[in-house]
Amino acid sequence: MMNDSTNLKSESAMELCRSCGLCCDGTLFSGAPLEFIDNLAKLEAASIQILMQDEQHYFKQPCPAHCDKGCGIYDDRPKICQQFYCKLLIDEAARDISAWDAHALINQAQALKKTVQESLRCTDASMTEISLAQLWKQWNNSTSAEQGQIYRRQHGVVFMQMAALRRFLDKHFVLDNWCEMKGLE
């Protein structure tokens, strides 16, 4: 199984993760499910707000334990966080992409994210209060075609920038089947 590979736990892999943080900062995911094995008290002590939906505990992204592209509760992080390896990390561990190229893709993703965030600040600062993944989810789940048209008219440039970011993330970082199986959104 690919997740058990020693290459995924190597120092090179950990450096790649520390240089990224997109899975923790609300860019890739709007929330993450928790499992019965997770110590909810320790997570709450780390200022992670535990929520419940459809009898499933979860927490919203960005994760409050994420700091300087690292995890402030690494030893006690939730099971979902321990199990997650992005496509880029798996590709680098399998030597399908060099570490240099992987870092370049992370830098490109960070630049796209920054462009979206700056545009959001200029257009509607209230939209910067939720994660980019949650915002994308809301935009794609608008309740009416009319709502979607109004939004695109008002915020078309930001929507296009966000679509470019999502396409880039889907291509280089997201493992669709794994994310669906684990309930990540």
N, C-alpha and C. Protein backbone atom coordinates (compact mmCIF):
# COMPACT_ATOMS: atom_id res chain seq x y z
N MET A 1 0.84 -1.18 0.00
CA MET A 1 0.00 0.00 0.00
C MET A 1 0.89 1.25 0.00
N MET A 2 0.56 2.19 -0.80
CA MET A 2 1.43 3.35 -1.01
C MET A 2 1.62 4.18 0.26
N ASN A 3 0.60 4.28 1.11
CA ASN A 3 0.73 5.10 2.31
C ASN A 3 1.70 4.51 3.33
N ASP A 4 2.01 3.24 3.21
CA ASP A 4 2.94 2.62 4.15
C ASP A 4 4.39 2.71 3.67
N SER A 5 4.62 3.27 2.53
CA SER A 5 5.96 3.37 1.97
C SER A 5 6.87 4.19 2.87
N THR A 6 8.09 3.70 3.07
CA THR A 6 9.04 4.44 3.89
C THR A 6 9.42 5.76 3.23
N ASN A 7 9.35 5.84 1.89
CA ASN A 7 9.66 7.09 1.21
C ASN A 7 8.71 8.20 1.62
N LEU A 8 7.47 7.86 1.97
CA LEU A 8 6.50 8.87 2.38
C LEU A 8 6.79 9.41 3.78
N LYS A 9 7.61 8.71 4.53
CA LYS A 9 7.95 9.14 5.89
C LYS A 9 9.39 9.60 5.99
N SER A 10 10.05 9.75 4.87
CA SER A 10 11.44 10.16 4.86
C SER A 10 11.57 11.64 5.22
N GLU A 11 12.78 12.06 5.49
CA GLU A 11 13.04 13.47 5.79
C GLU A 11 12.68 14.34 4.60
N SER A 12 12.95 13.86 3.39
CA SER A 12 12.60 14.60 2.17
C SER A 12 11.09 14.81 2.07
N ALA A 13 10.33 13.77 2.39
CA ALA A 13 8.87 13.88 2.36
C ALA A 13 8.37 14.86 3.42
N MET A 14 8.95 14.78 4.61
CA MET A 14 8.52 15.69 5.68
C MET A 14 8.86 17.14 5.33
N GLU A 15 10.00 17.36 4.70
CA GLU A 15 10.38 18.71 4.27
C GLU A 15 9.39 19.23 3.23
N LEU A 16 8.98 18.37 2.33
CA LEU A 16 7.99 18.76 1.31
C LEU A 16 6.69 19.17 2.00
N CYS A 17 6.23 18.40 2.96
CA CYS A 17 5.00 18.74 3.70
C CYS A 17 5.14 20.07 4.44
N ARG A 18 6.26 20.23 5.14
CA ARG A 18 6.46 21.46 5.91
C ARG A 18 6.53 22.69 5.01
N SER A 19 6.96 22.52 3.77
CA SER A 19 7.05 23.67 2.87
C SER A 19 5.71 24.00 2.23
N CYS A 20 4.72 23.20 2.48
CA CYS A 20 3.43 23.36 1.79
C CYS A 20 2.31 23.81 2.73
N GLY A 21 1.69 22.88 3.43
CA GLY A 21 0.62 23.20 4.37
C GLY A 21 -0.75 23.41 3.74
N LEU A 22 -0.91 23.16 2.44
CA LEU A 22 -2.20 23.40 1.78
C LEU A 22 -3.30 22.48 2.31
N CYS A 23 -2.95 21.33 2.84
CA CYS A 23 -3.96 20.42 3.38
C CYS A 23 -4.44 20.88 4.76
N CYS A 24 -3.73 21.80 5.39
CA CYS A 24 -4.08 22.26 6.74
C CYS A 24 -4.65 23.68 6.76
N ASP A 25 -4.33 24.47 5.75
CA ASP A 25 -4.66 25.90 5.82
C ASP A 25 -5.99 26.29 5.19
N GLY A 26 -6.81 25.29 4.81
CA GLY A 26 -8.12 25.59 4.25
C GLY A 26 -8.11 25.76 2.75
N THR A 27 -7.00 25.51 2.10
CA THR A 27 -6.94 25.64 0.65
C THR A 27 -7.46 24.38 -0.03
N LEU A 28 -7.00 23.21 0.41
CA LEU A 28 -7.46 21.96 -0.19
C LEU A 28 -8.80 21.50 0.36
N PHE A 29 -9.00 21.64 1.67
CA PHE A 29 -10.18 21.09 2.31
C PHE A 29 -10.88 22.13 3.18
N SER A 30 -12.20 22.04 3.25
CA SER A 30 -12.96 22.96 4.10
C SER A 30 -13.14 22.39 5.50
N GLY A 31 -12.94 21.10 5.64
CA GLY A 31 -13.06 20.45 6.93
C GLY A 31 -12.51 19.05 6.86
N ALA A 32 -12.39 18.41 8.03
CA ALA A 32 -11.85 17.04 8.08
C ALA A 32 -12.60 16.24 9.12
N PRO A 33 -13.00 15.01 8.77
CA PRO A 33 -13.72 14.16 9.72
C PRO A 33 -12.78 13.62 10.80
N LEU A 34 -13.35 13.37 11.95
CA LEU A 34 -12.59 12.78 13.05
C LEU A 34 -13.06 11.35 13.26
N GLU A 35 -12.21 10.53 13.85
CA GLU A 35 -12.54 9.14 14.10
C GLU A 35 -12.62 8.90 15.60
N PHE A 36 -13.22 7.78 15.99
CA PHE A 36 -13.39 7.47 17.41
C PHE A 36 -12.06 7.40 18.14
N ILE A 37 -11.00 7.09 17.44
CA ILE A 37 -9.67 6.96 18.04
C ILE A 37 -9.05 8.32 18.39
N ASP A 38 -9.54 9.39 17.76
CA ASP A 38 -8.98 10.72 18.00
C ASP A 38 -9.32 11.20 19.41
N ASN A 39 -8.36 11.82 20.06
CA ASN A 39 -8.54 12.34 21.41
C ASN A 39 -9.16 13.74 21.31
N LEU A 40 -10.48 13.80 21.41
CA LEU A 40 -11.20 15.06 21.24
C LEU A 40 -10.80 16.10 22.29
N ALA A 41 -10.55 15.66 23.51
CA ALA A 41 -10.15 16.60 24.58
C ALA A 41 -8.83 17.28 24.24
N LYS A 42 -7.86 16.51 23.74
CA LYS A 42 -6.57 17.11 23.37
C LYS A 42 -6.73 18.06 22.18
N LEU A 43 -7.58 17.70 21.24
CA LEU A 43 -7.81 18.57 20.09
C LEU A 43 -8.46 19.87 20.53
N GLU A 44 -9.45 19.78 21.40
CA GLU A 44 -10.11 20.99 21.90
C GLU A 44 -9.14 21.84 22.73
N ALA A 45 -8.25 21.20 23.47
CA ALA A 45 -7.24 21.93 24.25
C ALA A 45 -6.29 22.70 23.33
N ALA A 46 -6.17 22.23 22.08
CA ALA A 46 -5.33 22.90 21.09
C ALA A 46 -6.13 23.92 20.28
N SER A 47 -7.31 24.30 20.80
CA SER A 47 -8.20 25.29 20.17
C SER A 47 -8.84 24.83 18.87
N ILE A 48 -8.92 23.52 18.69
CA ILE A 48 -9.63 22.98 17.53
C ILE A 48 -11.08 22.78 17.94
N GLN A 49 -11.97 23.48 17.27
CA GLN A 49 -13.39 23.39 17.58
C GLN A 49 -13.96 22.13 16.93
N ILE A 50 -14.49 21.24 17.76
CA ILE A 50 -15.07 19.99 17.28
C ILE A 50 -16.54 20.24 16.99
N LEU A 51 -16.95 19.90 15.78
CA LEU A 51 -18.33 20.08 15.35
C LEU A 51 -18.93 18.72 15.05
N MET A 52 -20.26 18.69 14.90
CA MET A 52 -20.95 17.43 14.61
C MET A 52 -21.92 17.66 13.47
N GLN A 53 -21.88 16.76 12.49
CA GLN A 53 -22.84 16.81 11.39
C GLN A 53 -23.14 15.38 10.98
N ASP A 54 -24.41 15.03 10.90
CA ASP A 54 -24.82 13.68 10.52
C ASP A 54 -24.10 12.63 11.36
N GLU A 55 -24.06 12.84 12.66
CA GLU A 55 -23.43 11.92 13.62
C GLU A 55 -21.94 11.71 13.37
N GLN A 56 -21.31 12.67 12.72
CA GLN A 56 -19.87 12.60 12.43
C GLN A 56 -19.18 13.82 13.04
N HIS A 57 -18.19 13.56 13.90
CA HIS A 57 -17.37 14.65 14.42
C HIS A 57 -16.43 15.13 13.32
N TYR A 58 -16.19 16.42 13.27
CA TYR A 58 -15.25 16.98 12.30
C TYR A 58 -14.75 18.32 12.81
N PHE A 59 -13.75 18.85 12.13
CA PHE A 59 -13.29 20.21 12.44
C PHE A 59 -13.13 20.96 11.12
N LYS A 60 -13.33 22.26 11.20
CA LYS A 60 -13.22 23.09 10.02
C LYS A 60 -11.76 23.47 9.77
N GLN A 61 -11.49 23.74 8.51
CA GLN A 61 -10.19 24.26 8.10
C GLN A 61 -10.32 25.77 7.93
N PRO A 62 -9.34 26.58 8.10
CA PRO A 62 -7.97 26.16 8.42
C PRO A 62 -7.87 25.64 9.85
N CYS A 63 -6.96 24.72 10.02
CA CYS A 63 -6.75 24.12 11.33
C CYS A 63 -5.99 25.10 12.22
N PRO A 64 -6.52 25.38 13.41
CA PRO A 64 -5.83 26.30 14.31
C PRO A 64 -4.46 25.80 14.77
N ALA A 65 -4.21 24.50 14.65
CA ALA A 65 -2.91 23.95 15.07
C ALA A 65 -1.85 24.11 13.97
N HIS A 66 -2.27 24.56 12.80
CA HIS A 66 -1.34 24.76 11.68
C HIS A 66 -0.61 26.09 11.89
N CYS A 67 0.72 26.03 11.92
CA CYS A 67 1.50 27.25 12.12
C CYS A 67 2.80 27.16 11.33
N ASP A 68 3.14 28.23 10.67
CA ASP A 68 4.37 28.28 9.87
C ASP A 68 4.57 27.01 9.06
N LYS A 69 3.51 26.59 8.40
CA LYS A 69 3.53 25.40 7.55
C LYS A 69 3.89 24.13 8.31
N GLY A 70 3.57 24.10 9.57
CA GLY A 70 3.82 22.91 10.37
C GLY A 70 2.65 22.67 11.30
N CYS A 71 2.65 21.53 11.96
CA CYS A 71 1.57 21.15 12.85
C CYS A 71 2.01 21.35 14.30
N GLY A 72 1.25 22.15 15.02
CA GLY A 72 1.54 22.41 16.42
C GLY A 72 1.18 21.25 17.34
N ILE A 73 0.44 20.27 16.83
CA ILE A 73 0.05 19.10 17.63
C ILE A 73 0.42 17.80 16.90
N TYR A 74 1.55 17.82 16.24
CA TYR A 74 1.94 16.72 15.35
C TYR A 74 1.78 15.35 16.01
N ASP A 75 2.25 15.17 17.25
CA ASP A 75 2.17 13.86 17.91
C ASP A 75 0.74 13.45 18.25
N ASP A 76 -0.15 14.42 18.39
CA ASP A 76 -1.56 14.14 18.74
C ASP A 76 -2.53 14.50 17.63
N ARG A 77 -2.02 14.68 16.42
CA ARG A 77 -2.89 15.10 15.31
C ARG A 77 -3.92 14.01 15.01
N PRO A 78 -5.06 14.41 14.44
CA PRO A 78 -6.11 13.43 14.14
C PRO A 78 -5.65 12.34 13.17
N LYS A 79 -6.34 11.23 13.23
CA LYS A 79 -6.01 10.07 12.38
C LYS A 79 -6.05 10.45 10.90
N ILE A 80 -7.03 11.26 10.49
CA ILE A 80 -7.13 11.65 9.08
C ILE A 80 -5.88 12.38 8.64
N CYS A 81 -5.31 13.18 9.52
CA CYS A 81 -4.09 13.92 9.20
C CYS A 81 -2.89 12.98 9.11
N GLN A 82 -2.87 11.96 9.96
CA GLN A 82 -1.79 10.98 9.92
C GLN A 82 -1.83 10.16 8.65
N GLN A 83 -3.01 9.92 8.12
CA GLN A 83 -3.17 9.05 6.95
C GLN A 83 -3.05 9.78 5.62
N PHE A 84 -3.20 11.09 5.63
CA PHE A 84 -3.27 11.82 4.36
C PHE A 84 -1.89 12.05 3.75
N TYR A 85 -1.77 11.67 2.50
CA TYR A 85 -0.61 11.99 1.67
C TYR A 85 -1.16 12.54 0.36
N CYS A 86 -0.77 13.74 0.02
CA CYS A 86 -1.28 14.34 -1.22
C CYS A 86 -0.65 13.67 -2.44
N LYS A 87 -1.24 13.90 -3.58
CA LYS A 87 -0.74 13.34 -4.83
C LYS A 87 0.71 13.76 -5.09
N LEU A 88 1.02 15.01 -4.81
CA LEU A 88 2.37 15.50 -5.05
C LEU A 88 3.39 14.74 -4.20
N LEU A 89 3.09 14.52 -2.94
CA LEU A 89 3.99 13.79 -2.05
C LEU A 89 4.17 12.35 -2.52
N ILE A 90 3.09 11.72 -2.92
CA ILE A 90 3.16 10.35 -3.41
C ILE A 90 4.00 10.28 -4.69
N ASP A 91 3.78 11.24 -5.59
CA ASP A 91 4.56 11.27 -6.83
C ASP A 91 6.05 11.49 -6.56
N GLU A 92 6.36 12.35 -5.60
CA GLU A 92 7.76 12.61 -5.26
C GLU A 92 8.39 11.38 -4.61
N ALA A 93 7.65 10.73 -3.72
CA ALA A 93 8.18 9.53 -3.06
C ALA A 93 8.40 8.40 -4.05
N ALA A 94 7.55 8.32 -5.07
CA ALA A 94 7.69 7.28 -6.10
C ALA A 94 8.72 7.67 -7.16
N ARG A 95 9.30 8.83 -7.01
CA ARG A 95 10.30 9.38 -7.94
C ARG A 95 9.69 9.68 -9.32
N ASP A 96 8.36 9.93 -9.35
CA ASP A 96 7.71 10.34 -10.59
C ASP A 96 7.94 11.83 -10.86
N ILE A 97 8.37 12.54 -9.81
CA ILE A 97 8.69 13.96 -9.92
C ILE A 97 9.85 14.23 -8.97
N SER A 98 10.72 15.12 -9.34
CA SER A 98 11.87 15.43 -8.47
C SER A 98 11.42 16.31 -7.30
N ALA A 99 12.19 16.31 -6.25
CA ALA A 99 11.90 17.18 -5.10
C ALA A 99 11.91 18.64 -5.55
N TRP A 100 12.84 18.98 -6.42
CA TRP A 100 12.93 20.35 -6.94
C TRP A 100 11.63 20.74 -7.65
N ASP A 101 11.14 19.87 -8.54
CA ASP A 101 9.90 20.15 -9.27
C ASP A 101 8.70 20.18 -8.33
N ALA A 102 8.70 19.31 -7.33
CA ALA A 102 7.61 19.30 -6.35
C ALA A 102 7.55 20.63 -5.60
N HIS A 103 8.71 21.13 -5.18
CA HIS A 103 8.75 22.42 -4.49
C HIS A 103 8.30 23.55 -5.42
N ALA A 104 8.65 23.45 -6.69
CA ALA A 104 8.22 24.47 -7.66
C ALA A 104 6.70 24.46 -7.80
N LEU A 105 6.09 23.29 -7.78
CA LEU A 105 4.63 23.20 -7.85
C LEU A 105 3.97 23.77 -6.59
N ILE A 106 4.59 23.52 -5.44
CA ILE A 106 4.08 24.10 -4.19
C ILE A 106 4.15 25.62 -4.27
N ASN A 107 5.27 26.14 -4.73
CA ASN A 107 5.41 27.60 -4.86
C ASN A 107 4.37 28.17 -5.82
N GLN A 108 4.10 27.46 -6.91
CA GLN A 108 3.09 27.92 -7.86
C GLN A 108 1.71 27.90 -7.23
N ALA A 109 1.39 26.86 -6.48
CA ALA A 109 0.10 26.78 -5.80
C ALA A 109 -0.04 27.91 -4.78
N GLN A 110 1.03 28.17 -4.02
CA GLN A 110 1.01 29.25 -3.04
C GLN A 110 0.80 30.61 -3.73
N ALA A 111 1.43 30.80 -4.89
CA ALA A 111 1.28 32.06 -5.63
C ALA A 111 -0.16 32.22 -6.13
N LEU A 112 -0.75 31.15 -6.65
CA LEU A 112 -2.14 31.20 -7.10
C LEU A 112 -3.07 31.51 -5.93
N LYS A 113 -2.80 30.87 -4.79
CA LYS A 113 -3.61 31.11 -3.58
C LYS A 113 -3.51 32.57 -3.15
N LYS A 114 -2.32 33.10 -3.15
CA LYS A 114 -2.10 34.50 -2.75
C LYS A 114 -2.84 35.46 -3.69
N THR A 115 -2.83 35.18 -4.98
CA THR A 115 -3.55 36.01 -5.94
C THR A 115 -5.04 36.03 -5.63
N VAL A 116 -5.60 34.86 -5.35
CA VAL A 116 -7.03 34.77 -5.01
C VAL A 116 -7.30 35.55 -3.74
N GLN A 117 -6.49 35.35 -2.71
CA GLN A 117 -6.70 36.03 -1.44
C GLN A 117 -6.62 37.55 -1.59
N GLU A 118 -5.67 38.04 -2.36
CA GLU A 118 -5.55 39.48 -2.57
C GLU A 118 -6.76 40.03 -3.33
N SER A 119 -7.22 39.29 -4.31
CA SER A 119 -8.42 39.72 -5.05
C SER A 119 -9.64 39.73 -4.16
N LEU A 120 -9.75 38.73 -3.28
CA LEU A 120 -10.88 38.70 -2.35
C LEU A 120 -10.86 39.91 -1.42
N ARG A 121 -9.68 40.26 -0.91
CA ARG A 121 -9.56 41.41 -0.02
C ARG A 121 -10.02 42.69 -0.73
N CYS A 122 -9.69 42.80 -2.01
CA CYS A 122 -10.04 44.01 -2.77
C CYS A 122 -11.52 44.04 -3.17
N THR A 123 -12.11 42.87 -3.39
CA THR A 123 -13.50 42.84 -3.87
C THR A 123 -14.51 42.77 -2.74
N ASP A 124 -14.29 41.85 -1.80
CA ASP A 124 -15.25 41.64 -0.72
C ASP A 124 -14.50 41.03 0.46
N ALA A 125 -14.03 41.86 1.35
CA ALA A 125 -13.20 41.41 2.46
C ALA A 125 -13.91 40.38 3.34
N SER A 126 -15.24 40.40 3.37
CA SER A 126 -15.97 39.44 4.20
C SER A 126 -15.74 38.00 3.73
N MET A 127 -15.41 37.83 2.45
CA MET A 127 -15.17 36.48 1.92
C MET A 127 -13.83 35.91 2.39
N THR A 128 -12.97 36.73 2.96
CA THR A 128 -11.68 36.22 3.43
C THR A 128 -11.79 35.56 4.80
N GLU A 129 -12.98 35.61 5.39
CA GLU A 129 -13.16 35.05 6.73
C GLU A 129 -13.38 33.54 6.73
N ILE A 130 -13.61 32.96 5.57
CA ILE A 130 -13.77 31.50 5.49
C ILE A 130 -12.66 30.94 4.61
N SER A 131 -12.46 29.65 4.72
CA SER A 131 -11.38 29.01 3.95
C SER A 131 -11.69 29.07 2.46
N LEU A 132 -10.63 29.03 1.66
CA LEU A 132 -10.82 29.03 0.21
C LEU A 132 -11.58 27.79 -0.24
N ALA A 133 -11.34 26.65 0.39
CA ALA A 133 -12.07 25.43 0.03
C ALA A 133 -13.56 25.58 0.32
N GLN A 134 -13.89 26.18 1.46
CA GLN A 134 -15.31 26.40 1.81
C GLN A 134 -15.94 27.40 0.85
N LEU A 135 -15.24 28.43 0.50
CA LEU A 135 -15.75 29.43 -0.43
C LEU A 135 -16.03 28.79 -1.79
N TRP A 136 -15.09 27.98 -2.28
CA TRP A 136 -15.28 27.29 -3.56
C TRP A 136 -16.51 26.39 -3.50
N LYS A 137 -16.66 25.69 -2.38
CA LYS A 137 -17.81 24.80 -2.19
C LYS A 137 -19.12 25.61 -2.23
N GLN A 138 -19.15 26.75 -1.56
CA GLN A 138 -20.34 27.61 -1.55
C GLN A 138 -20.66 28.12 -2.96
N TRP A 139 -19.65 28.55 -3.67
CA TRP A 139 -19.86 29.08 -5.02
C TRP A 139 -20.42 28.02 -5.95
N ASN A 140 -19.97 26.80 -5.79
CA ASN A 140 -20.43 25.73 -6.66
C ASN A 140 -21.77 25.14 -6.24
N ASN A 141 -22.20 25.44 -5.04
CA ASN A 141 -23.47 24.92 -4.54
C ASN A 141 -24.51 26.02 -4.39
N SER A 142 -24.38 27.10 -5.17
CA SER A 142 -25.37 28.17 -5.06
C SER A 142 -26.74 27.60 -5.39
N THR A 143 -27.75 28.08 -4.70
CA THR A 143 -29.08 27.49 -4.77
C THR A 143 -29.85 27.81 -6.04
N SER A 144 -29.43 28.81 -6.78
CA SER A 144 -30.16 29.13 -7.99
C SER A 144 -29.21 29.62 -9.08
N ALA A 145 -29.64 29.43 -10.32
CA ALA A 145 -28.86 29.93 -11.45
C ALA A 145 -28.74 31.44 -11.39
N GLU A 146 -29.79 32.09 -10.90
CA GLU A 146 -29.78 33.56 -10.79
C GLU A 146 -28.71 34.01 -9.80
N GLN A 147 -28.61 33.33 -8.67
CA GLN A 147 -27.58 33.65 -7.69
C GLN A 147 -26.19 33.52 -8.32
N GLY A 148 -25.98 32.44 -9.07
CA GLY A 148 -24.70 32.22 -9.72
C GLY A 148 -24.36 33.31 -10.72
N GLN A 149 -25.36 33.74 -11.49
CA GLN A 149 -25.13 34.81 -12.46
C GLN A 149 -24.79 36.12 -11.78
N ILE A 150 -25.48 36.44 -10.70
CA ILE A 150 -25.21 37.67 -9.95
C ILE A 150 -23.78 37.63 -9.41
N TYR A 151 -23.41 36.50 -8.82
CA TYR A 151 -22.06 36.40 -8.28
C TYR A 151 -21.01 36.58 -9.38
N ARG A 152 -21.19 35.85 -10.49
CA ARG A 152 -20.19 35.94 -11.57
C ARG A 152 -20.07 37.35 -12.12
N ARG A 153 -21.19 38.07 -12.17
CA ARG A 153 -21.15 39.45 -12.65
C ARG A 153 -20.37 40.33 -11.67
N GLN A 154 -20.59 40.12 -10.38
CA GLN A 154 -19.94 40.95 -9.36
C GLN A 154 -18.50 40.55 -9.09
N HIS A 155 -18.22 39.27 -9.16
CA HIS A 155 -16.91 38.77 -8.75
C HIS A 155 -16.29 37.84 -9.79
N GLY A 156 -16.52 38.11 -11.05
CA GLY A 156 -16.07 37.21 -12.12
C GLY A 156 -14.58 36.95 -12.13
N VAL A 157 -13.78 37.98 -11.92
CA VAL A 157 -12.32 37.81 -11.95
C VAL A 157 -11.87 36.88 -10.83
N VAL A 158 -12.40 37.09 -9.63
CA VAL A 158 -12.02 36.24 -8.49
C VAL A 158 -12.47 34.80 -8.75
N PHE A 159 -13.67 34.65 -9.30
CA PHE A 159 -14.17 33.31 -9.60
C PHE A 159 -13.23 32.60 -10.58
N MET A 160 -12.78 33.29 -11.59
CA MET A 160 -11.87 32.70 -12.57
C MET A 160 -10.52 32.36 -11.94
N GLN A 161 -10.03 33.23 -11.07
CA GLN A 161 -8.77 32.94 -10.37
C GLN A 161 -8.92 31.71 -9.47
N MET A 162 -10.05 31.65 -8.79
CA MET A 162 -10.32 30.51 -7.90
C MET A 162 -10.44 29.23 -8.72
N ALA A 163 -11.09 29.30 -9.88
CA ALA A 163 -11.22 28.12 -10.74
C ALA A 163 -9.84 27.65 -11.20
N ALA A 164 -8.96 28.57 -11.54
CA ALA A 164 -7.59 28.21 -11.95
C ALA A 164 -6.85 27.54 -10.80
N LEU A 165 -6.99 28.07 -9.60
CA LEU A 165 -6.37 27.47 -8.42
C LEU A 165 -6.90 26.07 -8.19
N ARG A 166 -8.22 25.89 -8.25
CA ARG A 166 -8.81 24.57 -8.02
C ARG A 166 -8.34 23.56 -9.07
N ARG A 167 -8.28 23.96 -10.33
CA ARG A 167 -7.80 23.06 -11.38
C ARG A 167 -6.35 22.64 -11.09
N PHE A 168 -5.54 23.60 -10.68
CA PHE A 168 -4.14 23.32 -10.37
C PHE A 168 -4.04 22.35 -9.18
N LEU A 169 -4.80 22.61 -8.13
CA LEU A 169 -4.78 21.73 -6.95
C LEU A 169 -5.27 20.33 -7.30
N ASP A 170 -6.35 20.26 -8.06
CA ASP A 170 -6.89 18.95 -8.45
C ASP A 170 -5.88 18.16 -9.26
N LYS A 171 -5.14 18.83 -10.10
CA LYS A 171 -4.16 18.15 -10.96
C LYS A 171 -2.95 17.65 -10.17
N HIS A 172 -2.46 18.44 -9.23
CA HIS A 172 -1.19 18.14 -8.59
C HIS A 172 -1.26 17.67 -7.13
N PHE A 173 -2.38 17.90 -6.44
CA PHE A 173 -2.42 17.63 -5.01
C PHE A 173 -3.51 16.68 -4.55
N VAL A 174 -4.66 16.68 -5.20
CA VAL A 174 -5.84 15.98 -4.69
C VAL A 174 -5.93 14.56 -5.22
N LEU A 175 -6.16 13.63 -4.30
CA LEU A 175 -6.44 12.23 -4.64
C LEU A 175 -7.95 12.03 -4.48
N ASP A 176 -8.69 12.15 -5.56
CA ASP A 176 -10.15 12.15 -5.49
C ASP A 176 -10.73 10.95 -4.76
N ASN A 177 -10.35 9.76 -5.14
CA ASN A 177 -10.94 8.57 -4.53
C ASN A 177 -10.67 8.50 -3.03
N TRP A 178 -9.45 8.81 -2.63
CA TRP A 178 -9.11 8.76 -1.21
C TRP A 178 -9.91 9.80 -0.45
N CYS A 179 -10.00 11.00 -0.99
CA CYS A 179 -10.71 12.08 -0.30
C CYS A 179 -12.19 11.74 -0.16
N GLU A 180 -12.80 11.21 -1.21
CA GLU A 180 -14.20 10.82 -1.13
C GLU A 180 -14.40 9.72 -0.11
N MET A 181 -13.52 8.74 -0.12
CA MET A 181 -13.62 7.60 0.80
C MET A 181 -13.53 8.06 2.25
N LYS A 182 -12.67 9.03 2.53
CA LYS A 182 -12.46 9.50 3.88
C LYS A 182 -13.41 10.63 4.28
N GLY A 183 -14.25 11.10 3.36
CA GLY A 183 -15.20 12.15 3.69
C GLY A 183 -14.60 13.55 3.71
N LEU A 184 -13.46 13.73 3.08
CA LEU A 184 -12.87 15.07 3.01
C LEU A 184 -13.57 15.89 1.94
N GLU A 185 -13.76 17.16 2.25
CA GLU A 185 -14.41 18.02 1.27
C GLU A 185 -13.61 19.27 1.08
